[in-house]
Amino acid sequence: MSSNRFSTGMAYYGLTYNTGTIGGNIYINFFFSVLVECIGYSSCLILSSKLGRKITHCGSLILAGIGCLLTIFTVLFAGEDYIWITVGLSMIGKCGVSATYGNIYIFTPELFPTYLRSSILGASNVAAKIGILVSPYIANIVSIYISLCEKYL
């Protein structure tokens, strides 16, 4: 659960902090970011009572992963004319990771016995905060790589 919380925290805050850098209008991107976050949290509440927490958690992780991975291909191959595809796919990833982030606080304590819950929840929260700490650096890794390539090549 610690690695899951690490990656969820890193993805959630990475997408939240970099809403303005994905292209297009920053205000419209922020509006859509808040809208899909509300959809993600509300769908987490509805789907976890209907389908169960495990299926909701795994499904939202898959949705977030697919949305974020497809964003890479649109950035590389679509260009500036199709920025709306990049914004849409990153918002799909944001919706999935918001549902995961809302579900993980319910799902983590249910996996472990009562005498371990607080320790496991604390350790996984530390891992999540480390992921949040790392997320701005992961987002800037491309710009650092490009500047290093320009400097040394």
N, C-alpha and C. Protein backbone atom coordinates (compact mmCIF):
# COMPACT_ATOMS: atom_id res chain seq x y z
N MET A 1 0.82 -1.20 0.00
CA MET A 1 0.00 0.00 0.00
C MET A 1 0.86 1.26 0.00
N SER A 2 2.06 1.16 0.55
CA SER A 2 2.92 2.34 0.56
C SER A 2 3.32 2.76 -0.85
N SER A 3 3.65 1.79 -1.69
CA SER A 3 4.01 2.15 -3.07
C SER A 3 2.80 2.66 -3.84
N ASN A 4 1.63 2.11 -3.53
CA ASN A 4 0.40 2.59 -4.16
C ASN A 4 0.11 4.02 -3.74
N ARG A 5 0.25 4.31 -2.47
CA ARG A 5 0.01 5.67 -1.98
C ARG A 5 1.06 6.64 -2.51
N PHE A 6 2.31 6.16 -2.63
CA PHE A 6 3.37 7.00 -3.19
C PHE A 6 3.02 7.43 -4.61
N SER A 7 2.67 6.45 -5.45
CA SER A 7 2.38 6.77 -6.85
C SER A 7 1.09 7.56 -7.01
N THR A 8 0.09 7.29 -6.18
CA THR A 8 -1.16 8.04 -6.26
C THR A 8 -0.95 9.49 -5.84
N GLY A 9 -0.23 9.71 -4.76
CA GLY A 9 0.05 11.08 -4.33
C GLY A 9 0.88 11.84 -5.33
N MET A 10 1.87 11.16 -5.92
CA MET A 10 2.71 11.81 -6.92
C MET A 10 1.90 12.17 -8.16
N ALA A 11 1.06 11.27 -8.61
CA ALA A 11 0.26 11.56 -9.81
C ALA A 11 -0.78 12.64 -9.55
N TYR A 12 -1.44 12.58 -8.40
CA TYR A 12 -2.49 13.55 -8.09
C TYR A 12 -1.94 14.97 -8.01
N TYR A 13 -0.90 15.14 -7.23
CA TYR A 13 -0.35 16.48 -7.08
C TYR A 13 0.44 16.92 -8.31
N GLY A 14 1.02 15.98 -9.03
CA GLY A 14 1.69 16.34 -10.27
C GLY A 14 0.71 16.88 -11.30
N LEU A 15 -0.44 16.22 -11.42
CA LEU A 15 -1.46 16.72 -12.35
C LEU A 15 -2.09 18.01 -11.86
N THR A 16 -2.24 18.15 -10.55
CA THR A 16 -2.84 19.37 -10.00
C THR A 16 -1.91 20.57 -10.16
N TYR A 17 -0.64 20.40 -9.85
CA TYR A 17 0.31 21.51 -9.93
C TYR A 17 0.57 21.95 -11.37
N ASN A 18 0.50 21.04 -12.30
CA ASN A 18 0.86 21.36 -13.68
C ASN A 18 -0.34 21.50 -14.60
N THR A 19 -1.46 21.91 -14.06
CA THR A 19 -2.66 22.13 -14.89
C THR A 19 -2.42 23.26 -15.88
N GLY A 20 -1.68 24.25 -15.49
CA GLY A 20 -1.45 25.39 -16.37
C GLY A 20 -0.39 25.16 -17.42
N THR A 21 0.38 24.09 -17.33
CA THR A 21 1.48 23.88 -18.28
C THR A 21 1.15 22.87 -19.37
N ILE A 22 -0.06 22.31 -19.38
CA ILE A 22 -0.37 21.29 -20.38
C ILE A 22 -0.77 21.89 -21.71
N GLY A 23 -0.95 23.18 -21.78
CA GLY A 23 -1.30 23.85 -23.04
C GLY A 23 -2.72 24.39 -22.98
N GLY A 24 -2.99 25.32 -23.86
CA GLY A 24 -4.31 25.92 -23.88
C GLY A 24 -4.44 27.03 -22.84
N ASN A 25 -5.67 27.41 -22.57
CA ASN A 25 -5.96 28.47 -21.62
C ASN A 25 -5.87 27.93 -20.20
N ILE A 26 -5.13 28.61 -19.36
CA ILE A 26 -4.91 28.14 -17.99
C ILE A 26 -6.21 28.16 -17.18
N TYR A 27 -7.08 29.12 -17.42
CA TYR A 27 -8.31 29.24 -16.65
C TYR A 27 -9.32 28.15 -17.04
N ILE A 28 -9.39 27.86 -18.31
CA ILE A 28 -10.28 26.78 -18.76
C ILE A 28 -9.75 25.44 -18.28
N ASN A 29 -8.44 25.25 -18.33
CA ASN A 29 -7.84 24.01 -17.83
C ASN A 29 -8.11 23.83 -16.34
N PHE A 30 -8.02 24.91 -15.58
CA PHE A 30 -8.27 24.83 -14.15
C PHE A 30 -9.74 24.51 -13.87
N PHE A 31 -10.64 25.11 -14.65
CA PHE A 31 -12.06 24.82 -14.50
C PHE A 31 -12.35 23.34 -14.76
N PHE A 32 -11.79 22.81 -15.86
CA PHE A 32 -12.00 21.40 -16.17
C PHE A 32 -11.33 20.49 -15.13
N SER A 33 -10.21 20.93 -14.59
CA SER A 33 -9.53 20.15 -13.55
C SER A 33 -10.39 20.02 -12.30
N VAL A 34 -11.00 21.12 -11.89
CA VAL A 34 -11.89 21.09 -10.72
C VAL A 34 -13.14 20.27 -11.02
N LEU A 35 -13.66 20.39 -12.22
CA LEU A 35 -14.86 19.66 -12.61
C LEU A 35 -14.62 18.15 -12.60
N VAL A 36 -13.52 17.70 -13.21
CA VAL A 36 -13.26 16.25 -13.23
C VAL A 36 -12.85 15.73 -11.85
N GLU A 37 -12.30 16.59 -11.01
CA GLU A 37 -11.99 16.16 -9.65
C GLU A 37 -13.28 15.91 -8.87
N CYS A 38 -14.26 16.78 -9.04
CA CYS A 38 -15.56 16.56 -8.40
C CYS A 38 -16.23 15.30 -8.92
N ILE A 39 -16.12 15.07 -10.23
CA ILE A 39 -16.68 13.86 -10.83
C ILE A 39 -15.96 12.62 -10.28
N GLY A 40 -14.64 12.69 -10.16
CA GLY A 40 -13.87 11.56 -9.64
C GLY A 40 -14.23 11.22 -8.20
N TYR A 41 -14.33 12.23 -7.34
CA TYR A 41 -14.67 11.96 -5.95
C TYR A 41 -16.10 11.45 -5.80
N SER A 42 -17.03 12.03 -6.54
CA SER A 42 -18.42 11.56 -6.42
C SER A 42 -18.59 10.17 -7.03
N SER A 43 -17.89 9.88 -8.12
CA SER A 43 -17.97 8.53 -8.69
C SER A 43 -17.34 7.51 -7.76
N CYS A 44 -16.33 7.90 -7.00
CA CYS A 44 -15.72 7.01 -6.02
C CYS A 44 -16.74 6.62 -4.95
N LEU A 45 -17.52 7.58 -4.49
CA LEU A 45 -18.53 7.28 -3.47
C LEU A 45 -19.61 6.35 -4.00
N ILE A 46 -20.06 6.61 -5.22
CA ILE A 46 -21.14 5.81 -5.79
C ILE A 46 -20.65 4.41 -6.15
N LEU A 47 -19.50 4.34 -6.84
CA LEU A 47 -19.03 3.05 -7.32
C LEU A 47 -18.52 2.14 -6.21
N SER A 48 -17.95 2.71 -5.13
CA SER A 48 -17.48 1.82 -4.08
C SER A 48 -18.61 1.16 -3.32
N SER A 49 -19.77 1.80 -3.26
CA SER A 49 -20.90 1.13 -2.61
C SER A 49 -21.57 0.13 -3.54
N LYS A 50 -21.50 0.37 -4.85
CA LYS A 50 -22.14 -0.54 -5.82
C LYS A 50 -21.23 -1.72 -6.21
N LEU A 51 -19.98 -1.43 -6.56
CA LEU A 51 -19.08 -2.46 -7.08
C LEU A 51 -18.11 -3.02 -6.05
N GLY A 52 -17.89 -2.30 -4.99
CA GLY A 52 -16.89 -2.70 -4.01
C GLY A 52 -15.65 -1.82 -4.12
N ARG A 53 -14.89 -1.79 -3.04
CA ARG A 53 -13.74 -0.89 -3.01
C ARG A 53 -12.58 -1.38 -3.87
N LYS A 54 -12.37 -2.67 -3.93
CA LYS A 54 -11.25 -3.20 -4.71
C LYS A 54 -11.43 -2.96 -6.20
N ILE A 55 -12.60 -3.23 -6.73
CA ILE A 55 -12.86 -3.02 -8.16
C ILE A 55 -12.82 -1.53 -8.49
N THR A 56 -13.38 -0.71 -7.61
CA THR A 56 -13.33 0.74 -7.82
C THR A 56 -11.91 1.25 -7.81
N HIS A 57 -11.12 0.76 -6.87
CA HIS A 57 -9.72 1.21 -6.76
C HIS A 57 -8.91 0.79 -7.99
N CYS A 58 -9.03 -0.47 -8.37
CA CYS A 58 -8.28 -0.96 -9.53
C CYS A 58 -8.74 -0.30 -10.82
N GLY A 59 -10.04 -0.12 -10.97
CA GLY A 59 -10.57 0.52 -12.18
C GLY A 59 -10.15 1.98 -12.30
N SER A 60 -10.16 2.69 -11.18
CA SER A 60 -9.73 4.09 -11.24
C SER A 60 -8.23 4.22 -11.49
N LEU A 61 -7.44 3.28 -10.96
CA LEU A 61 -6.01 3.28 -11.26
C LEU A 61 -5.74 3.02 -12.74
N ILE A 62 -6.50 2.09 -13.32
CA ILE A 62 -6.34 1.79 -14.75
C ILE A 62 -6.76 2.98 -15.59
N LEU A 63 -7.87 3.63 -15.21
CA LEU A 63 -8.32 4.82 -15.95
C LEU A 63 -7.28 5.94 -15.88
N ALA A 64 -6.71 6.16 -14.70
CA ALA A 64 -5.69 7.20 -14.55
C ALA A 64 -4.44 6.87 -15.35
N GLY A 65 -4.03 5.62 -15.31
CA GLY A 65 -2.84 5.21 -16.05
C GLY A 65 -3.01 5.34 -17.55
N ILE A 66 -4.15 4.91 -18.06
CA ILE A 66 -4.40 5.01 -19.50
C ILE A 66 -4.45 6.47 -19.94
N GLY A 67 -5.15 7.30 -19.17
CA GLY A 67 -5.23 8.72 -19.53
C GLY A 67 -3.88 9.40 -19.54
N CYS A 68 -3.07 9.13 -18.53
CA CYS A 68 -1.76 9.77 -18.45
C CYS A 68 -0.78 9.23 -19.48
N LEU A 69 -0.83 7.93 -19.75
CA LEU A 69 0.09 7.37 -20.75
C LEU A 69 -0.26 7.81 -22.17
N LEU A 70 -1.53 7.92 -22.47
CA LEU A 70 -1.91 8.38 -23.81
C LEU A 70 -1.57 9.86 -24.03
N THR A 71 -1.45 10.61 -22.94
CA THR A 71 -1.04 12.00 -23.04
C THR A 71 0.36 12.13 -23.62
N ILE A 72 1.22 11.17 -23.31
CA ILE A 72 2.59 11.19 -23.84
C ILE A 72 2.58 11.13 -25.36
N PHE A 73 1.74 10.25 -25.91
CA PHE A 73 1.71 10.10 -27.36
C PHE A 73 1.11 11.31 -28.06
N THR A 74 0.13 11.95 -27.43
CA THR A 74 -0.44 13.15 -28.06
C THR A 74 0.55 14.31 -28.04
N VAL A 75 1.34 14.39 -27.00
CA VAL A 75 2.35 15.45 -26.95
C VAL A 75 3.42 15.22 -28.01
N LEU A 76 3.81 13.97 -28.19
CA LEU A 76 4.88 13.67 -29.15
C LEU A 76 4.42 13.75 -30.60
N PHE A 77 3.20 13.29 -30.89
CA PHE A 77 2.80 13.12 -32.28
C PHE A 77 1.70 14.06 -32.76
N ALA A 78 0.88 14.61 -31.87
CA ALA A 78 -0.26 15.41 -32.33
C ALA A 78 0.11 16.85 -32.63
N GLY A 79 0.96 17.44 -31.85
CA GLY A 79 1.36 18.82 -32.09
C GLY A 79 0.43 19.81 -31.41
N GLU A 80 0.64 21.08 -31.72
CA GLU A 80 -0.09 22.15 -31.07
C GLU A 80 -1.52 22.31 -31.58
N ASP A 81 -1.83 21.80 -32.75
CA ASP A 81 -3.18 21.94 -33.29
C ASP A 81 -4.19 21.09 -32.53
N TYR A 82 -3.72 20.02 -31.92
CA TYR A 82 -4.61 19.10 -31.22
C TYR A 82 -4.35 19.13 -29.71
N ILE A 83 -4.18 20.32 -29.16
CA ILE A 83 -3.90 20.45 -27.73
C ILE A 83 -5.10 20.03 -26.90
N TRP A 84 -6.29 20.11 -27.47
CA TRP A 84 -7.50 19.73 -26.75
C TRP A 84 -7.50 18.23 -26.45
N ILE A 85 -6.83 17.43 -27.29
CA ILE A 85 -6.73 16.00 -27.01
C ILE A 85 -5.83 15.78 -25.79
N THR A 86 -4.74 16.50 -25.73
CA THR A 86 -3.83 16.39 -24.58
C THR A 86 -4.53 16.82 -23.30
N VAL A 87 -5.25 17.92 -23.35
CA VAL A 87 -5.97 18.41 -22.17
C VAL A 87 -7.04 17.40 -21.76
N GLY A 88 -7.78 16.86 -22.72
CA GLY A 88 -8.82 15.89 -22.41
C GLY A 88 -8.28 14.62 -21.79
N LEU A 89 -7.19 14.11 -22.34
CA LEU A 89 -6.60 12.89 -21.78
C LEU A 89 -6.01 13.12 -20.40
N SER A 90 -5.41 14.28 -20.18
CA SER A 90 -4.88 14.56 -18.85
C SER A 90 -6.01 14.76 -17.84
N MET A 91 -7.15 15.26 -18.29
CA MET A 91 -8.30 15.38 -17.39
C MET A 91 -8.91 14.01 -17.09
N ILE A 92 -8.87 13.09 -18.04
CA ILE A 92 -9.31 11.72 -17.77
C ILE A 92 -8.39 11.09 -16.72
N GLY A 93 -7.09 11.31 -16.86
CA GLY A 93 -6.15 10.83 -15.86
C GLY A 93 -6.39 11.47 -14.50
N LYS A 94 -6.71 12.76 -14.50
CA LYS A 94 -7.00 13.46 -13.24
C LYS A 94 -8.26 12.92 -12.58
N CYS A 95 -9.27 12.59 -13.38
CA CYS A 95 -10.51 12.02 -12.84
C CYS A 95 -10.23 10.66 -12.20
N GLY A 96 -9.44 9.84 -12.87
CA GLY A 96 -9.11 8.53 -12.32
C GLY A 96 -8.28 8.61 -11.07
N VAL A 97 -7.31 9.49 -11.06
CA VAL A 97 -6.45 9.59 -9.88
C VAL A 97 -7.20 10.26 -8.72
N SER A 98 -8.16 11.12 -9.00
CA SER A 98 -8.99 11.69 -7.93
C SER A 98 -9.86 10.63 -7.29
N ALA A 99 -10.44 9.76 -8.12
CA ALA A 99 -11.23 8.66 -7.58
C ALA A 99 -10.36 7.71 -6.76
N THR A 100 -9.14 7.47 -7.22
CA THR A 100 -8.22 6.62 -6.47
C THR A 100 -7.84 7.26 -5.14
N TYR A 101 -7.57 8.55 -5.18
CA TYR A 101 -7.16 9.26 -3.96
C TYR A 101 -8.28 9.29 -2.94
N GLY A 102 -9.53 9.41 -3.41
CA GLY A 102 -10.65 9.38 -2.48
C GLY A 102 -10.91 7.99 -1.93
N ASN A 103 -10.69 6.98 -2.74
CA ASN A 103 -10.97 5.60 -2.34
C ASN A 103 -9.88 5.01 -1.46
N ILE A 104 -8.67 5.49 -1.58
CA ILE A 104 -7.55 4.86 -0.90
C ILE A 104 -7.61 5.07 0.62
N TYR A 105 -8.22 6.17 1.06
CA TYR A 105 -8.35 6.39 2.50
C TYR A 105 -9.36 5.45 3.14
N ILE A 106 -10.28 4.94 2.36
CA ILE A 106 -11.24 3.96 2.86
C ILE A 106 -10.68 2.55 2.71
N PHE A 107 -9.99 2.32 1.62
CA PHE A 107 -9.55 0.97 1.27
C PHE A 107 -8.36 0.50 2.10
N THR A 108 -7.43 1.37 2.42
CA THR A 108 -6.22 0.97 3.15
C THR A 108 -6.51 0.40 4.53
N PRO A 109 -7.29 1.06 5.39
CA PRO A 109 -7.51 0.48 6.73
C PRO A 109 -8.30 -0.84 6.72
N GLU A 110 -9.09 -1.07 5.67
CA GLU A 110 -9.88 -2.30 5.63
C GLU A 110 -9.04 -3.53 5.31
N LEU A 111 -7.83 -3.34 4.82
CA LEU A 111 -7.01 -4.48 4.44
C LEU A 111 -6.27 -5.12 5.60
N PHE A 112 -6.11 -4.40 6.69
CA PHE A 112 -5.24 -4.86 7.76
C PHE A 112 -6.01 -5.04 9.06
N PRO A 113 -5.50 -5.91 9.95
CA PRO A 113 -6.17 -6.09 11.24
C PRO A 113 -6.10 -4.82 12.10
N THR A 114 -6.94 -4.78 13.10
CA THR A 114 -7.11 -3.57 13.90
C THR A 114 -5.81 -3.12 14.57
N TYR A 115 -5.02 -4.04 15.07
CA TYR A 115 -3.81 -3.64 15.80
C TYR A 115 -2.71 -3.10 14.87
N LEU A 116 -2.83 -3.29 13.57
CA LEU A 116 -1.83 -2.77 12.62
C LEU A 116 -2.32 -1.56 11.83
N ARG A 117 -3.60 -1.25 11.91
CA ARG A 117 -4.16 -0.21 11.05
C ARG A 117 -3.48 1.14 11.18
N SER A 118 -3.30 1.60 12.39
CA SER A 118 -2.73 2.93 12.56
C SER A 118 -1.28 2.98 12.09
N SER A 119 -0.53 1.92 12.34
CA SER A 119 0.87 1.90 11.90
C SER A 119 0.98 1.85 10.38
N ILE A 120 0.18 1.01 9.75
CA ILE A 120 0.21 0.90 8.29
C ILE A 120 -0.28 2.18 7.65
N LEU A 121 -1.35 2.76 8.19
CA LEU A 121 -1.87 4.01 7.64
C LEU A 121 -0.86 5.14 7.78
N GLY A 122 -0.15 5.18 8.91
CA GLY A 122 0.88 6.19 9.09
C GLY A 122 2.05 6.00 8.14
N ALA A 123 2.50 4.76 7.97
CA ALA A 123 3.62 4.49 7.06
C ALA A 123 3.24 4.78 5.61
N SER A 124 2.02 4.43 5.24
CA SER A 124 1.61 4.71 3.86
C SER A 124 1.38 6.21 3.65
N ASN A 125 0.97 6.93 4.68
CA ASN A 125 0.86 8.39 4.56
C ASN A 125 2.22 9.04 4.38
N VAL A 126 3.24 8.52 5.04
CA VAL A 126 4.59 9.03 4.85
C VAL A 126 5.04 8.80 3.40
N ALA A 127 4.74 7.61 2.87
CA ALA A 127 5.08 7.32 1.48
C ALA A 127 4.33 8.25 0.53
N ALA A 128 3.07 8.54 0.84
CA ALA A 128 2.29 9.46 0.00
C ALA A 128 2.89 10.86 0.03
N LYS A 129 3.32 11.30 1.19
CA LYS A 129 3.91 12.65 1.29
C LYS A 129 5.25 12.73 0.59
N ILE A 130 6.00 11.64 0.56
CA ILE A 130 7.25 11.62 -0.21
C ILE A 130 6.93 11.71 -1.70
N GLY A 131 5.87 11.03 -2.14
CA GLY A 131 5.45 11.13 -3.54
C GLY A 131 5.01 12.54 -3.89
N ILE A 132 4.32 13.20 -2.96
CA ILE A 132 3.92 14.59 -3.19
C ILE A 132 5.14 15.49 -3.25
N LEU A 133 6.14 15.22 -2.43
CA LEU A 133 7.37 16.00 -2.43
C LEU A 133 8.14 15.85 -3.73
N VAL A 134 8.10 14.67 -4.33
CA VAL A 134 8.85 14.38 -5.55
C VAL A 134 8.14 14.88 -6.81
N SER A 135 6.82 15.05 -6.75
CA SER A 135 6.04 15.32 -7.96
C SER A 135 6.46 16.57 -8.75
N PRO A 136 6.81 17.69 -8.14
CA PRO A 136 7.26 18.83 -8.97
C PRO A 136 8.56 18.55 -9.72
N TYR A 137 9.43 17.75 -9.13
CA TYR A 137 10.70 17.43 -9.78
C TYR A 137 10.50 16.48 -10.95
N ILE A 138 9.55 15.55 -10.83
CA ILE A 138 9.24 14.65 -11.92
C ILE A 138 8.66 15.43 -13.09
N ALA A 139 7.84 16.42 -12.80
CA ALA A 139 7.23 17.23 -13.86
C ALA A 139 8.28 18.06 -14.60
N ASN A 140 9.32 18.47 -13.91
CA ASN A 140 10.35 19.30 -14.54
C ASN A 140 11.49 18.50 -15.15
N ILE A 141 11.43 17.20 -15.10
CA ILE A 141 12.54 16.38 -15.57
C ILE A 141 12.75 16.52 -17.08
N VAL A 142 11.68 16.74 -17.83
CA VAL A 142 11.82 16.90 -19.28
C VAL A 142 12.54 18.19 -19.61
N SER A 143 12.18 19.28 -18.95
CA SER A 143 12.86 20.54 -19.22
C SER A 143 14.33 20.49 -18.80
N ILE A 144 14.63 19.79 -17.73
CA ILE A 144 16.02 19.64 -17.31
C ILE A 144 16.79 18.81 -18.32
N TYR A 145 16.18 17.76 -18.82
CA TYR A 145 16.82 16.91 -19.82
C TYR A 145 17.09 17.68 -21.11
N ILE A 146 16.14 18.48 -21.55
CA ILE A 146 16.33 19.27 -22.79
C ILE A 146 17.43 20.29 -22.60
N SER A 147 17.46 20.95 -21.43
CA SER A 147 18.52 21.95 -21.21
C SER A 147 19.89 21.30 -21.12
N LEU A 148 19.98 20.11 -20.54
CA LEU A 148 21.26 19.39 -20.50
C LEU A 148 21.71 18.95 -21.88
N CYS A 149 20.77 18.51 -22.71
CA CYS A 149 21.11 18.12 -24.07
C CYS A 149 21.59 19.31 -24.89
N GLU A 150 20.95 20.46 -24.72
CA GLU A 150 21.39 21.66 -25.44
C GLU A 150 22.75 22.13 -24.98
N LYS A 151 23.03 21.95 -23.70
CA LYS A 151 24.29 22.41 -23.14
C LYS A 151 25.47 21.53 -23.57
N TYR A 152 25.28 20.24 -23.56
CA TYR A 152 26.41 19.33 -23.81
C TYR A 152 26.44 18.74 -25.20
N LEU A 153 25.40 18.90 -26.00
CA LEU A 153 25.45 18.32 -27.35
C LEU A 153 25.59 19.36 -28.41
